Amino acid sequence: MQYMKAEITIQPGHLPAMLELLQTRIFPIMESGTWRLVGCFVQRTGRLNTIVDLWEMDSLADFDTTYAIFRGHPDYPEIRVLLDTYVETETLVFMDARAGRILQQKG
């Protein structure tokens, strides 16, 4: 199992619109591929206007497969314009689970 953390900093004033875009348009497209959303979080402390999404996938190859589905979706050009408006930075981190609830649930 592979996990990906997407840390997205949002331009001030655009957090509600970005959350709606994620929940109504982006998440459904990504989950139609091979990614499974573990959770979407908004930071309450630290860097404000930051969203952290945690995704589960079977392998690193699933990243490319699902991202290709996203780029090929008919709504992608419109979504891309909105992302360019709302997003300040995005950092993707790939991780392996070593302990905790996620592993216990898989066991």
PDB file of N, CA and C in Angstrom:
ATOM      1  N   MET A   1       0.847  -1.173   0.000  1.00  0.00           N
ATOM      2  CA  MET A   1       0.000   0.000   0.000  1.00  0.00           C
ATOM      3  C   MET A   1       0.893   1.237   0.000  1.00  0.00           C
ATOM      4  N   GLN A   2       0.495   2.212  -0.782  1.00  0.00           N
ATOM      5  CA  GLN A   2       1.235   3.469  -0.892  1.00  0.00           C
ATOM      6  C   GLN A   2       0.307   4.601  -0.471  1.00  0.00           C
ATOM      7  N   TYR A   3       0.855   5.595   0.215  1.00  0.00           N
ATOM      8  CA  TYR A   3       0.073   6.756   0.632  1.00  0.00           C
ATOM      9  C   TYR A   3       0.696   8.010   0.044  1.00  0.00           C
ATOM     10  N   MET A   4      -0.166   8.967  -0.283  1.00  0.00           N
ATOM     11  CA  MET A   4       0.299  10.246  -0.786  1.00  0.00           C
ATOM     12  C   MET A   4      -0.353  11.355   0.023  1.00  0.00           C
ATOM     13  N   LYS A   5       0.478  12.272   0.483  1.00  0.00           N
ATOM     14  CA  LYS A   5      -0.012  13.467   1.165  1.00  0.00           C
ATOM     15  C   LYS A   5       0.101  14.618   0.182  1.00  0.00           C
ATOM     16  N   ALA A   6      -1.006  15.288  -0.077  1.00  0.00           N
ATOM     17  CA  ALA A   6      -1.013  16.493  -0.904  1.00  0.00           C
ATOM     18  C   ALA A   6      -1.233  17.673   0.036  1.00  0.00           C
ATOM     19  N   GLU A   7      -0.226  18.515   0.185  1.00  0.00           N
ATOM     20  CA  GLU A   7      -0.344  19.710   1.017  1.00  0.00           C
ATOM     21  C   GLU A   7      -0.506  20.900   0.085  1.00  0.00           C
ATOM     22  N   ILE A   8      -1.653  21.555   0.178  1.00  0.00           N
ATOM     23  CA  ILE A   8      -2.023  22.597  -0.769  1.00  0.00           C
ATOM     24  C   ILE A   8      -2.242  23.900  -0.010  1.00  0.00           C
ATOM     25  N   THR A   9      -1.440  24.912  -0.313  1.00  0.00           N
ATOM     26  CA  THR A   9      -1.664  26.230   0.280  1.00  0.00           C
ATOM     27  C   THR A   9      -2.530  27.033  -0.688  1.00  0.00           C
ATOM     28  N   ILE A  10      -3.535  27.680  -0.128  1.00  0.00           N
ATOM     29  CA  ILE A  10      -4.563  28.359  -0.905  1.00  0.00           C
ATOM     30  C   ILE A  10      -4.391  29.872  -0.782  1.00  0.00           C
ATOM     31  N   GLN A  11      -4.634  30.563  -1.885  1.00  0.00           N
ATOM     32  CA  GLN A  11      -4.608  32.028  -1.857  1.00  0.00           C
ATOM     33  C   GLN A  11      -5.656  32.507  -0.846  1.00  0.00           C
ATOM     34  N   PRO A  12      -5.325  33.510  -0.019  1.00  0.00           N
ATOM     35  CA  PRO A  12      -6.301  34.021   0.950  1.00  0.00           C
ATOM     36  C   PRO A  12      -7.628  34.376   0.268  1.00  0.00           C
ATOM     37  N   GLY A  13      -8.721  33.992   0.940  1.00  0.00           N
ATOM     38  CA  GLY A  13     -10.057  34.274   0.444  1.00  0.00           C
ATOM     39  C   GLY A  13     -10.645  33.192  -0.445  1.00  0.00           C
ATOM     40  N   HIS A  14      -9.839  32.204  -0.836  1.00  0.00           N
ATOM     41  CA  HIS A  14     -10.311  31.175  -1.760  1.00  0.00           C
ATOM     42  C   HIS A  14     -10.497  29.790  -1.116  1.00  0.00           C
ATOM     43  N   LEU A  15     -10.315  29.680   0.187  1.00  0.00           N
ATOM     44  CA  LEU A  15     -10.418  28.372   0.842  1.00  0.00           C
ATOM     45  C   LEU A  15     -11.794  27.725   0.649  1.00  0.00           C
ATOM     46  N   PRO A  16     -12.906  28.426   0.905  1.00  0.00           N
ATOM     47  CA  PRO A  16     -14.211  27.776   0.711  1.00  0.00           C
ATOM     48  C   PRO A  16     -14.429  27.303  -0.732  1.00  0.00           C
ATOM     49  N   ALA A  17     -14.050  28.119  -1.697  1.00  0.00           N
ATOM     50  CA  ALA A  17     -14.227  27.743  -3.104  1.00  0.00           C
ATOM     51  C   ALA A  17     -13.360  26.540  -3.461  1.00  0.00           C
ATOM     52  N   MET A  18     -12.145  26.480  -2.921  1.00  0.00           N
ATOM     53  CA  MET A  18     -11.254  25.352  -3.202  1.00  0.00           C
ATOM     54  C   MET A  18     -11.798  24.071  -2.594  1.00  0.00           C
ATOM     55  N   LEU A  19     -12.306  24.147  -1.383  1.00  0.00           N
ATOM     56  CA  LEU A  19     -12.895  22.960  -0.756  1.00  0.00           C
ATOM     57  C   LEU A  19     -14.093  22.456  -1.554  1.00  0.00           C
ATOM     58  N   GLU A  20     -14.910  23.364  -2.048  1.00  0.00           N
ATOM     59  CA  GLU A  20     -16.051  22.948  -2.868  1.00  0.00           C
ATOM     60  C   GLU A  20     -15.575  22.302  -4.167  1.00  0.00           C
ATOM     61  N   LEU A  21     -14.560  22.881  -4.796  1.00  0.00           N
ATOM     62  CA  LEU A  21     -14.012  22.314  -6.027  1.00  0.00           C
ATOM     63  C   LEU A  21     -13.477  20.903  -5.782  1.00  0.00           C
ATOM     64  N   LEU A  22     -12.762  20.728  -4.685  1.00  0.00           N
ATOM     65  CA  LEU A  22     -12.244  19.403  -4.351  1.00  0.00           C
ATOM     66  C   LEU A  22     -13.380  18.404  -4.163  1.00  0.00           C
ATOM     67  N   GLN A  23     -14.333  18.770  -3.318  1.00  0.00           N
ATOM     68  CA  GLN A  23     -15.380  17.824  -2.928  1.00  0.00           C
ATOM     69  C   GLN A  23     -16.351  17.508  -4.050  1.00  0.00           C
ATOM     70  N   THR A  24     -16.662  18.476  -4.893  1.00  0.00           N
ATOM     71  CA  THR A  24     -17.700  18.251  -5.902  1.00  0.00           C
ATOM     72  C   THR A  24     -17.154  17.829  -7.260  1.00  0.00           C
ATOM     73  N   ARG A  25     -15.891  18.168  -7.546  1.00  0.00           N
ATOM     74  CA  ARG A  25     -15.391  17.883  -8.898  1.00  0.00           C
ATOM     75  C   ARG A  25     -14.113  17.053  -8.913  1.00  0.00           C
ATOM     76  N   ILE A  26     -13.130  17.426  -8.102  1.00  0.00           N
ATOM     77  CA  ILE A  26     -11.829  16.747  -8.191  1.00  0.00           C
ATOM     78  C   ILE A  26     -11.854  15.380  -7.517  1.00  0.00           C
ATOM     79  N   PHE A  27     -12.326  15.302  -6.280  1.00  0.00           N
ATOM     80  CA  PHE A  27     -12.338  14.008  -5.589  1.00  0.00           C
ATOM     81  C   PHE A  27     -13.093  12.932  -6.371  1.00  0.00           C
ATOM     82  N   PRO A  28     -14.286  13.230  -6.908  1.00  0.00           N
ATOM     83  CA  PRO A  28     -14.981  12.185  -7.666  1.00  0.00           C
ATOM     84  C   PRO A  28     -14.181  11.686  -8.877  1.00  0.00           C
ATOM     85  N   ILE A  29     -13.475  12.574  -9.546  1.00  0.00           N
ATOM     86  CA  ILE A  29     -12.671  12.143 -10.694  1.00  0.00           C
ATOM     87  C   ILE A  29     -11.529  11.250 -10.217  1.00  0.00           C
ATOM     88  N   MET A  30     -10.809  11.679  -9.182  1.00  0.00           N
ATOM     89  CA  MET A  30      -9.675  10.898  -8.686  1.00  0.00           C
ATOM     90  C   MET A  30     -10.127   9.532  -8.169  1.00  0.00           C
ATOM     91  N   GLU A  31     -11.271   9.493  -7.491  1.00  0.00           N
ATOM     92  CA  GLU A  31     -11.742   8.223  -6.953  1.00  0.00           C
ATOM     93  C   GLU A  31     -12.338   7.322  -8.030  1.00  0.00           C
ATOM     94  N   SER A  32     -12.588   7.862  -9.229  1.00  0.00           N
ATOM     95  CA  SER A  32     -13.013   7.008 -10.335  1.00  0.00           C
ATOM     96  C   SER A  32     -11.815   6.247 -10.899  1.00  0.00           C
ATOM     97  N   GLY A  33     -10.621   6.685 -10.525  1.00  0.00           N
ATOM     98  CA  GLY A  33      -9.396   5.985 -10.909  1.00  0.00           C
ATOM     99  C   GLY A  33      -9.006   5.006  -9.822  1.00  0.00           C
ATOM    100  N   THR A  34      -7.745   5.019  -9.447  1.00  0.00           N
ATOM    101  CA  THR A  34      -7.226   4.022  -8.503  1.00  0.00           C
ATOM    102  C   THR A  34      -6.875   4.603  -7.138  1.00  0.00           C
ATOM    103  N   TRP A  35      -7.142   5.889  -6.928  1.00  0.00           N
ATOM    104  CA  TRP A  35      -6.854   6.502  -5.626  1.00  0.00           C
ATOM    105  C   TRP A  35      -8.060   6.376  -4.713  1.00  0.00           C
ATOM    106  N   ARG A  36      -7.793   6.246  -3.406  1.00  0.00           N
ATOM    107  CA  ARG A  36      -8.849   6.220  -2.396  1.00  0.00           C
ATOM    108  C   ARG A  36      -8.543   7.311  -1.366  1.00  0.00           C
ATOM    109  N   LEU A  37      -9.490   8.231  -1.190  1.00  0.00           N
ATOM    110  CA  LEU A  37      -9.289   9.341  -0.262  1.00  0.00           C
ATOM    111  C   LEU A  37      -9.421   8.843   1.171  1.00  0.00           C
ATOM    112  N   VAL A  38      -8.362   8.994   1.953  1.00  0.00           N
ATOM    113  CA  VAL A  38      -8.389   8.647   3.371  1.00  0.00           C
ATOM    114  C   VAL A  38      -8.993   9.803   4.152  1.00  0.00           C
ATOM    115  N   GLY A  39      -8.629  11.032   3.788  1.00  0.00           N
ATOM    116  CA  GLY A  39      -9.176  12.188   4.472  1.00  0.00           C
ATOM    117  C   GLY A  39      -8.711  13.488   3.854  1.00  0.00           C
ATOM    118  N   CYS A  40      -9.527  14.508   4.036  1.00  0.00           N
ATOM    119  CA  CYS A  40      -9.208  15.863   3.616  1.00  0.00           C
ATOM    120  C   CYS A  40      -9.253  16.723   4.874  1.00  0.00           C
ATOM    121  N   PHE A  41      -8.181  17.445   5.140  1.00  0.00           N
ATOM    122  CA  PHE A  41      -8.034  18.194   6.379  1.00  0.00           C
ATOM    123  C   PHE A  41      -7.722  19.656   6.075  1.00  0.00           C
ATOM    124  N   VAL A  42      -8.207  20.560   6.932  1.00  0.00           N
ATOM    125  CA  VAL A  42      -7.852  21.972   6.854  1.00  0.00           C
ATOM    126  C   VAL A  42      -7.104  22.308   8.127  1.00  0.00           C
ATOM    127  N   GLN A  43      -5.909  22.873   7.975  1.00  0.00           N
ATOM    128  CA  GLN A  43      -5.099  23.204   9.143  1.00  0.00           C
ATOM    129  C   GLN A  43      -5.745  24.322   9.955  1.00  0.00           C
ATOM    130  N   ARG A  44      -5.781  24.128  11.268  1.00  0.00           N
ATOM    131  CA  ARG A  44      -6.306  25.138  12.184  1.00  0.00           C
ATOM    132  C   ARG A  44      -5.192  25.953  12.807  1.00  0.00           C
ATOM    133  N   THR A  45      -3.993  25.384  12.828  1.00  0.00           N
ATOM    134  CA  THR A  45      -2.817  26.097  13.325  1.00  0.00           C
ATOM    135  C   THR A  45      -1.715  25.955  12.280  1.00  0.00           C
ATOM    136  N   GLY A  46      -0.619  26.652  12.486  1.00  0.00           N
ATOM    137  CA  GLY A  46       0.449  26.615  11.499  1.00  0.00           C
ATOM    138  C   GLY A  46       0.075  27.500  10.326  1.00  0.00           C
ATOM    139  N   ARG A  47       0.469  27.100   9.145  1.00  0.00           N
ATOM    140  CA  ARG A  47       0.175  27.877   7.928  1.00  0.00           C
ATOM    141  C   ARG A  47      -1.316  27.794   7.656  1.00  0.00           C
ATOM    142  N   LEU A  48      -2.037  28.893   7.836  1.00  0.00           N
ATOM    143  CA  LEU A  48      -3.474  28.908   7.584  1.00  0.00           C
ATOM    144  C   LEU A  48      -3.725  28.824   6.082  1.00  0.00           C
ATOM    145  N   ASN A  49      -4.967  28.582   5.700  1.00  0.00           N
ATOM    146  CA  ASN A  49      -5.343  28.399   4.294  1.00  0.00           C
ATOM    147  C   ASN A  49      -4.574  27.239   3.666  1.00  0.00           C
ATOM    148  N   THR A  50      -4.377  26.177   4.460  1.00  0.00           N
ATOM    149  CA  THR A  50      -3.680  24.987   3.976  1.00  0.00           C
ATOM    150  C   THR A  50      -4.601  23.782   4.096  1.00  0.00           C
ATOM    151  N   ILE A  51      -4.693  23.053   3.001  1.00  0.00           N
ATOM    152  CA  ILE A  51      -5.474  21.815   2.933  1.00  0.00           C
ATOM    153  C   ILE A  51      -4.484  20.665   2.821  1.00  0.00           C
ATOM    154  N   VAL A  52      -4.740  19.586   3.564  1.00  0.00           N
ATOM    155  CA  VAL A  52      -3.933  18.378   3.463  1.00  0.00           C
ATOM    156  C   VAL A  52      -4.868  17.232   3.114  1.00  0.00           C
ATOM    157  N   ASP A  53      -4.606  16.618   1.963  1.00  0.00           N
ATOM    158  CA  ASP A  53      -5.360  15.439   1.545  1.00  0.00           C
ATOM    159  C   ASP A  53      -4.465  14.229   1.709  1.00  0.00           C
ATOM    160  N   LEU A  54      -5.014  13.155   2.236  1.00  0.00           N
ATOM    161  CA  LEU A  54      -4.285  11.897   2.364  1.00  0.00           C
ATOM    162  C   LEU A  54      -4.975  10.868   1.482  1.00  0.00           C
ATOM    163  N   TRP A  55      -4.204  10.323   0.541  1.00  0.00           N
ATOM    164  CA  TRP A  55      -4.712   9.351  -0.429  1.00  0.00           C
ATOM    165  C   TRP A  55      -4.014   8.015  -0.247  1.00  0.00           C
ATOM    166  N   GLU A  56      -4.764   6.958  -0.497  1.00  0.00           N
ATOM    167  CA  GLU A  56      -4.216   5.603  -0.474  1.00  0.00           C
ATOM    168  C   GLU A  56      -4.271   5.061  -1.897  1.00  0.00           C
ATOM    169  N   MET A  57      -3.223   4.352  -2.293  1.00  0.00           N
ATOM    170  CA  MET A  57      -3.200   3.699  -3.597  1.00  0.00           C
ATOM    171  C   MET A  57      -2.440   2.399  -3.461  1.00  0.00           C
ATOM    172  N   ASP A  58      -2.659   1.491  -4.381  1.00  0.00           N
ATOM    173  CA  ASP A  58      -2.017   0.177  -4.287  1.00  0.00           C
ATOM    174  C   ASP A  58      -0.525   0.235  -4.583  1.00  0.00           C
ATOM    175  N   SER A  59      -0.114   1.110  -5.505  1.00  0.00           N
ATOM    176  CA  SER A  59       1.300   1.206  -5.849  1.00  0.00           C
ATOM    177  C   SER A  59       1.583   2.602  -6.377  1.00  0.00           C
ATOM    178  N   LEU A  60       2.846   2.924  -6.502  1.00  0.00           N
ATOM    179  CA  LEU A  60       3.245   4.220  -7.032  1.00  0.00           C
ATOM    180  C   LEU A  60       2.766   4.404  -8.474  1.00  0.00           C
ATOM    181  N   ALA A  61       2.659   3.314  -9.222  1.00  0.00           N
ATOM    182  CA  ALA A  61       2.173   3.390 -10.604  1.00  0.00           C
ATOM    183  C   ALA A  61       0.745   3.923 -10.666  1.00  0.00           C
ATOM    184  N   ASP A  62      -0.038   3.724  -9.591  1.00  0.00           N
ATOM    185  CA  ASP A  62      -1.411   4.223  -9.553  1.00  0.00           C
ATOM    186  C   ASP A  62      -1.470   5.743  -9.634  1.00  0.00           C
ATOM    187  N   PHE A  63      -0.407   6.414  -9.202  1.00  0.00           N
ATOM    188  CA  PHE A  63      -0.395   7.873  -9.298  1.00  0.00           C
ATOM    189  C   PHE A  63      -0.543   8.297 -10.756  1.00  0.00           C
ATOM    190  N   ASP A  64       0.312   7.762 -11.614  1.00  0.00           N
ATOM    191  CA  ASP A  64       0.280   8.130 -13.032  1.00  0.00           C
ATOM    192  C   ASP A  64      -1.034   7.745 -13.700  1.00  0.00           C
ATOM    193  N   THR A  65      -1.550   6.573 -13.366  1.00  0.00           N
ATOM    194  CA  THR A  65      -2.798   6.097 -13.964  1.00  0.00           C
ATOM    195  C   THR A  65      -3.948   7.051 -13.668  1.00  0.00           C
ATOM    196  N   THR A  66      -4.100   7.399 -12.407  1.00  0.00           N
ATOM    197  CA  THR A  66      -5.222   8.257 -12.011  1.00  0.00           C
ATOM    198  C   THR A  66      -5.002   9.693 -12.458  1.00  0.00           C
ATOM    199  N   TYR A  67      -3.764  10.171 -12.404  1.00  0.00           N
ATOM    200  CA  TYR A  67      -3.520  11.551 -12.845  1.00  0.00           C
ATOM    201  C   TYR A  67      -3.807  11.688 -14.343  1.00  0.00           C
ATOM    202  N   ALA A  68      -3.559  10.649 -15.119  1.00  0.00           N
ATOM    203  CA  ALA A  68      -3.882  10.657 -16.545  1.00  0.00           C
ATOM    204  C   ALA A  68      -5.397  10.724 -16.755  1.00  0.00           C
ATOM    205  N   ILE A  69      -6.156  10.022 -15.916  1.00  0.00           N
ATOM    206  CA  ILE A  69      -7.620  10.095 -15.974  1.00  0.00           C
ATOM    207  C   ILE A  69      -8.077  11.521 -15.708  1.00  0.00           C
ATOM    208  N   PHE A  70      -7.480  12.158 -14.694  1.00  0.00           N
ATOM    209  CA  PHE A  70      -7.822  13.538 -14.343  1.00  0.00           C
ATOM    210  C   PHE A  70      -7.525  14.483 -15.515  1.00  0.00           C
ATOM    211  N   ARG A  71      -6.334  14.392 -16.077  1.00  0.00           N
ATOM    212  CA  ARG A  71      -5.952  15.270 -17.196  1.00  0.00           C
ATOM    213  C   ARG A  71      -6.801  15.019 -18.440  1.00  0.00           C
ATOM    214  N   GLY A  72      -7.304  13.820 -18.596  1.00  0.00           N
ATOM    215  CA  GLY A  72      -8.124  13.492 -19.755  1.00  0.00           C
ATOM    216  C   GLY A  72      -9.602  13.766 -19.578  1.00  0.00           C
ATOM    217  N   HIS A  73     -10.012  14.147 -18.374  1.00  0.00           N
ATOM    218  CA  HIS A  73     -11.425  14.397 -18.102  1.00  0.00           C
ATOM    219  C   HIS A  73     -11.886  15.642 -18.866  1.00  0.00           C
ATOM    220  N   PRO A  74     -13.115  15.636 -19.399  1.00  0.00           N
ATOM    221  CA  PRO A  74     -13.610  16.802 -20.150  1.00  0.00           C
ATOM    222  C   PRO A  74     -13.629  18.101 -19.346  1.00  0.00           C
ATOM    223  N   ASP A  75     -13.765  18.015 -18.010  1.00  0.00           N
ATOM    224  CA  ASP A  75     -13.791  19.221 -17.164  1.00  0.00           C
ATOM    225  C   ASP A  75     -12.398  19.725 -16.797  1.00  0.00           C
ATOM    226  N   TYR A  76     -11.356  18.974 -17.175  1.00  0.00           N
ATOM    227  CA  TYR A  76     -10.006  19.349 -16.742  1.00  0.00           C
ATOM    228  C   TYR A  76      -9.610  20.778 -17.110  1.00  0.00           C
ATOM    229  N   PRO A  77      -9.829  21.246 -18.344  1.00  0.00           N
ATOM    230  CA  PRO A  77      -9.398  22.618 -18.664  1.00  0.00           C
ATOM    231  C   PRO A  77     -10.026  23.673 -17.741  1.00  0.00           C
ATOM    232  N   GLU A  78     -11.315  23.522 -17.443  1.00  0.00           N
ATOM    233  CA  GLU A  78     -11.982  24.479 -16.547  1.00  0.00           C
ATOM    234  C   GLU A  78     -11.461  24.330 -15.116  1.00  0.00           C
ATOM    235  N   ILE A  79     -11.280  23.096 -14.661  1.00  0.00           N
ATOM    236  CA  ILE A  79     -10.752  22.865 -13.312  1.00  0.00           C
ATOM    237  C   ILE A  79      -9.343  23.432 -13.201  1.00  0.00           C
ATOM    238  N   ARG A  80      -8.531  23.270 -14.224  1.00  0.00           N
ATOM    239  CA  ARG A  80      -7.148  23.769 -14.213  1.00  0.00           C
ATOM    240  C   ARG A  80      -7.115  25.282 -14.019  1.00  0.00           C
ATOM    241  N   VAL A  81      -8.016  26.014 -14.685  1.00  0.00           N
ATOM    242  CA  VAL A  81      -8.090  27.470 -14.525  1.00  0.00           C
ATOM    243  C   VAL A  81      -8.419  27.827 -13.080  1.00  0.00           C
ATOM    244  N   LEU A  82      -9.375  27.110 -12.495  1.00  0.00           N
ATOM    245  CA  LEU A  82      -9.745  27.362 -11.097  1.00  0.00           C
ATOM    246  C   LEU A  82      -8.587  27.041 -10.165  1.00  0.00           C
ATOM    247  N   LEU A  83      -7.900  25.925 -10.392  1.00  0.00           N
ATOM    248  CA  LEU A  83      -6.745  25.575  -9.559  1.00  0.00           C
ATOM    249  C   LEU A  83      -5.677  26.652  -9.648  1.00  0.00           C
ATOM    250  N   ASP A  84      -5.423  27.158 -10.848  1.00  0.00           N
ATOM    251  CA  ASP A  84      -4.423  28.212 -11.014  1.00  0.00           C
ATOM    252  C   ASP A  84      -4.824  29.489 -10.287  1.00  0.00           C
ATOM    253  N   THR A  85      -6.130  29.705 -10.112  1.00  0.00           N
ATOM    254  CA  THR A  85      -6.628  30.878  -9.391  1.00  0.00           C
ATOM    255  C   THR A  85      -6.527  30.692  -7.881  1.00  0.00           C
ATOM    256  N   TYR A  86      -6.855  29.490  -7.385  1.00  0.00           N
ATOM    257  CA  TYR A  86      -6.960  29.257  -5.952  1.00  0.00           C
ATOM    258  C   TYR A  86      -5.663  28.831  -5.281  1.00  0.00           C
ATOM    259  N   VAL A  87      -4.831  28.071  -5.973  1.00  0.00           N
ATOM    260  CA  VAL A  87      -3.692  27.404  -5.336  1.00  0.00           C
ATOM    261  C   VAL A  87      -2.439  28.276  -5.400  1.00  0.00           C
ATOM    262  N   GLU A  88      -1.818  28.419  -4.232  1.00  0.00           N
ATOM    263  CA  GLU A  88      -0.534  29.118  -4.146  1.00  0.00           C
ATOM    264  C   GLU A  88       0.610  28.127  -4.371  1.00  0.00           C
ATOM    265  N   THR A  89       0.593  27.011  -3.622  1.00  0.00           N
ATOM    266  CA  THR A  89       1.590  25.950  -3.794  1.00  0.00           C
ATOM    267  C   THR A  89       0.936  24.607  -3.518  1.00  0.00           C
ATOM    268  N   GLU A  90       1.527  23.562  -4.081  1.00  0.00           N
ATOM    269  CA  GLU A  90       1.109  22.193  -3.786  1.00  0.00           C
ATOM    270  C   GLU A  90       2.354  21.336  -3.685  1.00  0.00           C
ATOM    271  N   THR A  91       2.425  20.549  -2.619  1.00  0.00           N
ATOM    272  CA  THR A  91       3.545  19.629  -2.418  1.00  0.00           C
ATOM    273  C   THR A  91       2.985  18.231  -2.252  1.00  0.00           C
ATOM    274  N   LEU A  92       3.489  17.295  -3.066  1.00  0.00           N
ATOM    275  CA  LEU A  92       3.076  15.896  -2.970  1.00  0.00           C
ATOM    276  C   LEU A  92       4.192  15.100  -2.313  1.00  0.00           C
ATOM    277  N   VAL A  93       3.814  14.272  -1.339  1.00  0.00           N
ATOM    278  CA  VAL A  93       4.769  13.436  -0.618  1.00  0.00           C
ATOM    279  C   VAL A  93       4.230  12.014  -0.633  1.00  0.00           C
ATOM    280  N   PHE A  94       5.060  11.058  -1.062  1.00  0.00           N
ATOM    281  CA  PHE A  94       4.674   9.649  -1.054  1.00  0.00           C
ATOM    282  C   PHE A  94       5.232   8.990   0.189  1.00  0.00           C
ATOM    283  N   MET A  95       4.412   8.165   0.859  1.00  0.00           N
ATOM    284  CA  MET A  95       4.770   7.616   2.165  1.00  0.00           C
ATOM    285  C   MET A  95       4.388   6.147   2.254  1.00  0.00           C
ATOM    286  N   ASP A  96       5.093   5.432   3.127  1.00  0.00           N
ATOM    287  CA  ASP A  96       4.760   4.053   3.475  1.00  0.00           C
ATOM    288  C   ASP A  96       4.287   4.044   4.925  1.00  0.00           C
ATOM    289  N   ALA A  97       3.178   3.357   5.206  1.00  0.00           N
ATOM    290  CA  ALA A  97       2.684   3.240   6.577  1.00  0.00           C
ATOM    291  C   ALA A  97       3.560   2.255   7.345  1.00  0.00           C
ATOM    292  N   ARG A  98       3.890   2.605   8.575  1.00  0.00           N
ATOM    293  CA  ARG A  98       4.726   1.741   9.410  1.00  0.00           C
ATOM    294  C   ARG A  98       4.057   1.340  10.723  1.00  0.00           C
ATOM    295  N   ALA A  99       3.049   2.089  11.156  1.00  0.00           N
ATOM    296  CA  ALA A  99       2.365   1.776  12.408  1.00  0.00           C
ATOM    297  C   ALA A  99       1.068   2.558  12.451  1.00  0.00           C
ATOM    298  N   GLY A 100       0.182   2.185  13.388  1.00  0.00           N
ATOM    299  CA  GLY A 100      -1.015   2.966  13.621  1.00  0.00           C
ATOM    300  C   GLY A 100      -2.289   2.327  13.093  1.00  0.00           C
ATOM    301  N   ARG A 101      -3.350   3.100  13.173  1.00  0.00           N
ATOM    302  CA  ARG A 101      -4.710   2.653  12.869  1.00  0.00           C
ATOM    303  C   ARG A 101      -4.839   2.129  11.436  1.00  0.00           C
ATOM    304  N   ILE A 102      -4.201   2.781  10.489  1.00  0.00           N
ATOM    305  CA  ILE A 102      -4.315   2.353   9.091  1.00  0.00           C
ATOM    306  C   ILE A 102      -3.831   0.915   8.939  1.00  0.00           C
ATOM    307  N   LEU A 103      -2.694   0.600   9.526  1.00  0.00           N
ATOM    308  CA  LEU A 103      -2.177  -0.770   9.429  1.00  0.00           C
ATOM    309  C   LEU A 103      -3.034  -1.746  10.211  1.00  0.00           C
ATOM    310  N   GLN A 104      -3.554  -1.335  11.359  1.00  0.00           N
ATOM    311  CA  GLN A 104      -4.398  -2.209  12.160  1.00  0.00           C
ATOM    312  C   GLN A 104      -5.680  -2.565  11.415  1.00  0.00           C
ATOM    313  N   GLN A 105      -6.249  -1.605  10.671  1.00  0.00           N
ATOM    314  CA  GLN A 105      -7.466  -1.860   9.922  1.00  0.00           C
ATOM    315  C   GLN A 105      -7.209  -2.779   8.746  1.00  0.00           C
ATOM    316  N   LYS A 106      -6.010  -2.756   8.189  1.00  0.00           N
ATOM    317  CA  LYS A 106      -5.668  -3.605   7.058  1.00  0.00           C
ATOM    318  C   LYS A 106      -5.376  -5.032   7.493  1.00  0.00           C
ATOM    319  N   GLY A 107      -4.917  -5.168   8.769  1.00  0.00           N
ATOM    320  CA  GLY A 107      -4.467  -6.441   9.298  1.00  0.00           C
ATOM    321  C   GLY A 107      -5.502  -7.483   9.314  1.00  0.00           C
TER     322      GLY A 107
END
